[in-house]
Amino acid sequence: MVEDNLFNGGNYTINAGGDAVDSAVYRGNEFGTDYRYGVFSSGSTSTFDSSNTWHGTTHPVDE
């Protein structure tokens, strides 16, 4: 469970591909816009729900 954090930066802010993380749940986090390719890389079994918002807003982050 990864919740109530502020994430910002990186090529992908969360790079959850590969075998290192299996089925993590991301909820209630805020994300900044200082990334190169996106907020969340594909290829993961993790859950990224609509409670994750852009920093300082109530707008959900689209995966």
PDB file of N, CA and C in Angstrom:
ATOM      1  N   MET A   1       0.849  -1.167   0.000  1.00  0.00           N
ATOM      2  CA  MET A   1       0.000   0.000   0.000  1.00  0.00           C
ATOM      3  C   MET A   1       0.898   1.234   0.000  1.00  0.00           C
ATOM      4  N   VAL A   2       0.707   2.089  -0.989  1.00  0.00           N
ATOM      5  CA  VAL A   2       1.451   3.340  -1.087  1.00  0.00           C
ATOM      6  C   VAL A   2       0.412   4.448  -1.107  1.00  0.00           C
ATOM      7  N   GLU A   3       0.306   5.207  -0.015  1.00  0.00           N
ATOM      8  CA  GLU A   3      -0.741   6.226   0.038  1.00  0.00           C
ATOM      9  C   GLU A   3      -0.278   7.478   0.766  1.00  0.00           C
ATOM     10  N   ASP A   4      -0.924   8.590   0.388  1.00  0.00           N
ATOM     11  CA  ASP A   4      -0.710   9.897   1.014  1.00  0.00           C
ATOM     12  C   ASP A   4       0.718  10.409   0.872  1.00  0.00           C
ATOM     13  N   ASN A   5       1.266  10.317  -0.335  1.00  0.00           N
ATOM     14  CA  ASN A   5       2.612  10.806  -0.639  1.00  0.00           C
ATOM     15  C   ASN A   5       2.548  11.867  -1.724  1.00  0.00           C
ATOM     16  N   LEU A   6       3.620  12.646  -1.828  1.00  0.00           N
ATOM     17  CA  LEU A   6       3.802  13.572  -2.940  1.00  0.00           C
ATOM     18  C   LEU A   6       4.930  13.023  -3.798  1.00  0.00           C
ATOM     19  N   PHE A   7       4.634  12.747  -5.072  1.00  0.00           N
ATOM     20  CA  PHE A   7       5.618  12.244  -6.022  1.00  0.00           C
ATOM     21  C   PHE A   7       5.846  13.307  -7.093  1.00  0.00           C
ATOM     22  N   ASN A   8       7.115  13.447  -7.542  1.00  0.00           N
ATOM     23  CA  ASN A   8       7.411  14.403  -8.597  1.00  0.00           C
ATOM     24  C   ASN A   8       8.760  14.059  -9.207  1.00  0.00           C
ATOM     25  N   GLY A   9       8.862  14.162 -10.528  1.00  0.00           N
ATOM     26  CA  GLY A   9      10.139  14.018 -11.205  1.00  0.00           C
ATOM     27  C   GLY A   9      10.416  12.630 -11.755  1.00  0.00           C
ATOM     28  N   GLY A  10      11.502  12.542 -12.511  1.00  0.00           N
ATOM     29  CA  GLY A  10      11.953  11.284 -13.098  1.00  0.00           C
ATOM     30  C   GLY A  10      11.523  11.128 -14.542  1.00  0.00           C
ATOM     31  N   ASN A  11      12.081  10.121 -15.210  1.00  0.00           N
ATOM     32  CA  ASN A  11      11.595   9.796 -16.545  1.00  0.00           C
ATOM     33  C   ASN A  11      10.144   9.357 -16.438  1.00  0.00           C
ATOM     34  N   TYR A  12       9.895   8.324 -15.619  1.00  0.00           N
ATOM     35  CA  TYR A  12       8.556   7.989 -15.137  1.00  0.00           C
ATOM     36  C   TYR A  12       8.616   8.227 -13.638  1.00  0.00           C
ATOM     37  N   THR A  13       7.654   8.931 -13.096  1.00  0.00           N
ATOM     38  CA  THR A  13       7.688   9.192 -11.661  1.00  0.00           C
ATOM     39  C   THR A  13       7.668   7.884 -10.885  1.00  0.00           C
ATOM     40  N   ILE A  14       6.825   6.939 -11.299  1.00  0.00           N
ATOM     41  CA  ILE A  14       6.815   5.600 -10.709  1.00  0.00           C
ATOM     42  C   ILE A  14       7.101   4.608 -11.824  1.00  0.00           C
ATOM     43  N   ASN A  15       8.245   3.941 -11.726  1.00  0.00           N
ATOM     44  CA  ASN A  15       8.622   2.934 -12.704  1.00  0.00           C
ATOM     45  C   ASN A  15       8.391   1.574 -12.061  1.00  0.00           C
ATOM     46  N   ALA A  16       7.220   1.024 -12.269  1.00  0.00           N
ATOM     47  CA  ALA A  16       6.821  -0.198 -11.569  1.00  0.00           C
ATOM     48  C   ALA A  16       6.916  -1.441 -12.433  1.00  0.00           C
ATOM     49  N   GLY A  17       7.650  -1.381 -13.511  1.00  0.00           N
ATOM     50  CA  GLY A  17       7.803  -2.549 -14.355  1.00  0.00           C
ATOM     51  C   GLY A  17       8.761  -3.565 -13.755  1.00  0.00           C
ATOM     52  N   GLY A  18       8.826  -4.714 -14.335  1.00  0.00           N
ATOM     53  CA  GLY A  18       9.725  -5.761 -13.854  1.00  0.00           C
ATOM     54  C   GLY A  18       9.126  -6.562 -12.710  1.00  0.00           C
ATOM     55  N   ASP A  19       9.964  -7.344 -12.062  1.00  0.00           N
ATOM     56  CA  ASP A  19       9.504  -8.246 -11.010  1.00  0.00           C
ATOM     57  C   ASP A  19       9.681  -7.699  -9.600  1.00  0.00           C
ATOM     58  N   ALA A  20      10.248  -6.514  -9.446  1.00  0.00           N
ATOM     59  CA  ALA A  20      10.565  -6.002  -8.108  1.00  0.00           C
ATOM     60  C   ALA A  20       9.322  -5.715  -7.271  1.00  0.00           C
ATOM     61  N   VAL A  21       8.260  -5.219  -7.889  1.00  0.00           N
ATOM     62  CA  VAL A  21       7.033  -4.888  -7.160  1.00  0.00           C
ATOM     63  C   VAL A  21       5.895  -5.695  -7.758  1.00  0.00           C
ATOM     64  N   ASP A  22       5.140  -6.347  -6.914  1.00  0.00           N
ATOM     65  CA  ASP A  22       4.021  -7.152  -7.383  1.00  0.00           C
ATOM     66  C   ASP A  22       2.751  -6.722  -6.666  1.00  0.00           C
ATOM     67  N   SER A  23       1.809  -6.191  -7.401  1.00  0.00           N
ATOM     68  CA  SER A  23       0.479  -5.852  -6.885  1.00  0.00           C
ATOM     69  C   SER A  23       0.469  -4.778  -5.802  1.00  0.00           C
ATOM     70  N   ALA A  24       1.251  -3.735  -5.954  1.00  0.00           N
ATOM     71  CA  ALA A  24       1.175  -2.596  -5.038  1.00  0.00           C
ATOM     72  C   ALA A  24      -0.100  -1.818  -5.329  1.00  0.00           C
ATOM     73  N   VAL A  25      -0.621  -1.134  -4.325  1.00  0.00           N
ATOM     74  CA  VAL A  25      -1.814  -0.303  -4.485  1.00  0.00           C
ATOM     75  C   VAL A  25      -1.406   1.138  -4.216  1.00  0.00           C
ATOM     76  N   TYR A  26      -1.629   2.007  -5.192  1.00  0.00           N
ATOM     77  CA  TYR A  26      -1.329   3.433  -5.075  1.00  0.00           C
ATOM     78  C   TYR A  26      -2.638   4.179  -4.938  1.00  0.00           C
ATOM     79  N   ARG A  27      -2.829   4.882  -3.807  1.00  0.00           N
ATOM     80  CA  ARG A  27      -4.061   5.648  -3.642  1.00  0.00           C
ATOM     81  C   ARG A  27      -3.823   6.843  -2.727  1.00  0.00           C
ATOM     82  N   GLY A  28      -4.566   7.904  -3.003  1.00  0.00           N
ATOM     83  CA  GLY A  28      -4.496   9.105  -2.188  1.00  0.00           C
ATOM     84  C   GLY A  28      -3.195   9.869  -2.296  1.00  0.00           C
ATOM     85  N   ASN A  29      -2.445   9.667  -3.370  1.00  0.00           N
ATOM     86  CA  ASN A  29      -1.175  10.355  -3.571  1.00  0.00           C
ATOM     87  C   ASN A  29      -1.366  11.585  -4.448  1.00  0.00           C
ATOM     88  N   GLU A  30      -0.428  12.535  -4.336  1.00  0.00           N
ATOM     89  CA  GLU A  30      -0.411  13.702  -5.216  1.00  0.00           C
ATOM     90  C   GLU A  30       0.809  13.603  -6.117  1.00  0.00           C
ATOM     91  N   PHE A  31       0.642  14.050  -7.369  1.00  0.00           N
ATOM     92  CA  PHE A  31       1.709  13.977  -8.352  1.00  0.00           C
ATOM     93  C   PHE A  31       1.978  15.344  -8.958  1.00  0.00           C
ATOM     94  N   GLY A  32       3.269  15.710  -9.017  1.00  0.00           N
ATOM     95  CA  GLY A  32       3.691  16.913  -9.712  1.00  0.00           C
ATOM     96  C   GLY A  32       3.866  16.621 -11.196  1.00  0.00           C
ATOM     97  N   THR A  33       4.232  17.650 -11.942  1.00  0.00           N
ATOM     98  CA  THR A  33       4.337  17.515 -13.399  1.00  0.00           C
ATOM     99  C   THR A  33       5.779  17.517 -13.908  1.00  0.00           C
ATOM    100  N   ASP A  34       6.746  17.355 -13.024  1.00  0.00           N
ATOM    101  CA  ASP A  34       8.149  17.390 -13.422  1.00  0.00           C
ATOM    102  C   ASP A  34       8.647  15.990 -13.792  1.00  0.00           C
ATOM    103  N   TYR A  35       8.071  15.415 -14.840  1.00  0.00           N
ATOM    104  CA  TYR A  35       8.474  14.098 -15.331  1.00  0.00           C
ATOM    105  C   TYR A  35       8.725  14.201 -16.825  1.00  0.00           C
ATOM    106  N   ARG A  36       9.429  13.220 -17.388  1.00  0.00           N
ATOM    107  CA  ARG A  36       9.734  13.257 -18.816  1.00  0.00           C
ATOM    108  C   ARG A  36       8.690  12.514 -19.645  1.00  0.00           C
ATOM    109  N   TYR A  37       8.345  11.281 -19.265  1.00  0.00           N
ATOM    110  CA  TYR A  37       7.467  10.453 -20.096  1.00  0.00           C
ATOM    111  C   TYR A  37       6.078  10.241 -19.515  1.00  0.00           C
ATOM    112  N   GLY A  38       5.956  10.220 -18.216  1.00  0.00           N
ATOM    113  CA  GLY A  38       4.652   9.985 -17.612  1.00  0.00           C
ATOM    114  C   GLY A  38       4.748   9.756 -16.118  1.00  0.00           C
ATOM    115  N   VAL A  39       3.602   9.626 -15.515  1.00  0.00           N
ATOM    116  CA  VAL A  39       3.522   9.414 -14.074  1.00  0.00           C
ATOM    117  C   VAL A  39       3.824   7.966 -13.719  1.00  0.00           C
ATOM    118  N   PHE A  40       3.307   7.028 -14.511  1.00  0.00           N
ATOM    119  CA  PHE A  40       3.359   5.617 -14.145  1.00  0.00           C
ATOM    120  C   PHE A  40       3.706   4.794 -15.377  1.00  0.00           C
ATOM    121  N   SER A  41       4.774   4.005 -15.304  1.00  0.00           N
ATOM    122  CA  SER A  41       5.138   3.171 -16.449  1.00  0.00           C
ATOM    123  C   SER A  41       4.206   1.973 -16.554  1.00  0.00           C
ATOM    124  N   SER A  42       4.076   1.460 -17.751  1.00  0.00           N
ATOM    125  CA  SER A  42       3.207   0.297 -17.957  1.00  0.00           C
ATOM    126  C   SER A  42       3.951  -0.991 -17.617  1.00  0.00           C
ATOM    127  N   GLY A  43       3.243  -2.092 -17.676  1.00  0.00           N
ATOM    128  CA  GLY A  43       3.864  -3.382 -17.431  1.00  0.00           C
ATOM    129  C   GLY A  43       3.862  -3.801 -15.980  1.00  0.00           C
ATOM    130  N   SER A  44       2.905  -3.327 -15.219  1.00  0.00           N
ATOM    131  CA  SER A  44       2.842  -3.636 -13.801  1.00  0.00           C
ATOM    132  C   SER A  44       1.491  -4.236 -13.442  1.00  0.00           C
ATOM    133  N   THR A  45       1.460  -5.013 -12.386  1.00  0.00           N
ATOM    134  CA  THR A  45       0.196  -5.536 -11.868  1.00  0.00           C
ATOM    135  C   THR A  45      -0.318  -4.671 -10.723  1.00  0.00           C
ATOM    136  N   SER A  46       0.288  -3.521 -10.517  1.00  0.00           N
ATOM    137  CA  SER A  46      -0.121  -2.618  -9.444  1.00  0.00           C
ATOM    138  C   SER A  46      -1.436  -1.923  -9.770  1.00  0.00           C
ATOM    139  N   THR A  47      -2.128  -1.476  -8.733  1.00  0.00           N
ATOM    140  CA  THR A  47      -3.389  -0.752  -8.878  1.00  0.00           C
ATOM    141  C   THR A  47      -3.129   0.729  -8.655  1.00  0.00           C
ATOM    142  N   PHE A  48      -3.601   1.538  -9.591  1.00  0.00           N
ATOM    143  CA  PHE A  48      -3.427   2.987  -9.552  1.00  0.00           C
ATOM    144  C   PHE A  48      -4.815   3.574  -9.714  1.00  0.00           C
ATOM    145  N   ASP A  49      -5.449   4.005  -8.616  1.00  0.00           N
ATOM    146  CA  ASP A  49      -6.859   4.394  -8.708  1.00  0.00           C
ATOM    147  C   ASP A  49      -7.079   5.900  -8.825  1.00  0.00           C
ATOM    148  N   SER A  50      -8.332   6.299  -8.947  1.00  0.00           N
ATOM    149  CA  SER A  50      -8.688   7.696  -9.214  1.00  0.00           C
ATOM    150  C   SER A  50      -8.525   8.614  -8.010  1.00  0.00           C
ATOM    151  N   SER A  51      -8.139   8.093  -6.853  1.00  0.00           N
ATOM    152  CA  SER A  51      -7.901   8.960  -5.697  1.00  0.00           C
ATOM    153  C   SER A  51      -6.534   9.635  -5.771  1.00  0.00           C
ATOM    154  N   ASN A  52      -5.713   9.277  -6.753  1.00  0.00           N
ATOM    155  CA  ASN A  52      -4.433   9.940  -6.986  1.00  0.00           C
ATOM    156  C   ASN A  52      -4.696  11.200  -7.800  1.00  0.00           C
ATOM    157  N   THR A  53      -4.218  12.343  -7.311  1.00  0.00           N
ATOM    158  CA  THR A  53      -4.534  13.624  -7.944  1.00  0.00           C
ATOM    159  C   THR A  53      -3.267  14.394  -8.305  1.00  0.00           C
ATOM    160  N   TRP A  54      -3.459  15.395  -9.181  1.00  0.00           N
ATOM    161  CA  TRP A  54      -2.381  16.324  -9.483  1.00  0.00           C
ATOM    162  C   TRP A  54      -2.157  17.209  -8.270  1.00  0.00           C
ATOM    163  N   HIS A  55      -0.906  17.492  -7.961  1.00  0.00           N
ATOM    164  CA  HIS A  55      -0.527  18.267  -6.778  1.00  0.00           C
ATOM    165  C   HIS A  55      -1.262  19.610  -6.739  1.00  0.00           C
ATOM    166  N   GLY A  56      -1.899  19.879  -5.620  1.00  0.00           N
ATOM    167  CA  GLY A  56      -2.586  21.149  -5.418  1.00  0.00           C
ATOM    168  C   GLY A  56      -3.966  21.229  -6.034  1.00  0.00           C
ATOM    169  N   THR A  57      -4.471  20.116  -6.593  1.00  0.00           N
ATOM    170  CA  THR A  57      -5.798  20.112  -7.210  1.00  0.00           C
ATOM    171  C   THR A  57      -6.593  18.911  -6.705  1.00  0.00           C
ATOM    172  N   THR A  58      -7.819  18.807  -7.174  1.00  0.00           N
ATOM    173  CA  THR A  58      -8.625  17.610  -6.908  1.00  0.00           C
ATOM    174  C   THR A  58      -8.824  16.803  -8.188  1.00  0.00           C
ATOM    175  N   HIS A  59      -8.078  17.148  -9.240  1.00  0.00           N
ATOM    176  CA  HIS A  59      -8.198  16.467 -10.531  1.00  0.00           C
ATOM    177  C   HIS A  59      -7.440  15.144 -10.502  1.00  0.00           C
ATOM    178  N   PRO A  60      -8.115  14.042 -10.827  1.00  0.00           N
ATOM    179  CA  PRO A  60      -7.436  12.741 -10.801  1.00  0.00           C
ATOM    180  C   PRO A  60      -6.362  12.637 -11.876  1.00  0.00           C
ATOM    181  N   VAL A  61      -5.313  11.911 -11.551  1.00  0.00           N
ATOM    182  CA  VAL A  61      -4.244  11.625 -12.504  1.00  0.00           C
ATOM    183  C   VAL A  61      -4.690  10.444 -13.345  1.00  0.00           C
ATOM    184  N   ASP A  62      -4.686  10.611 -14.661  1.00  0.00           N
ATOM    185  CA  ASP A  62      -4.998   9.494 -15.556  1.00  0.00           C
ATOM    186  C   ASP A  62      -3.743   8.669 -15.719  1.00  0.00           C
ATOM    187  N   GLU A  63      -3.874   7.386 -15.591  1.00  0.00           N
ATOM    188  CA  GLU A  63      -2.734   6.482 -15.636  1.00  0.00           C
ATOM    189  C   GLU A  63      -1.992   6.573 -16.937  1.00  0.00           C
TER     190      GLU A  63
END
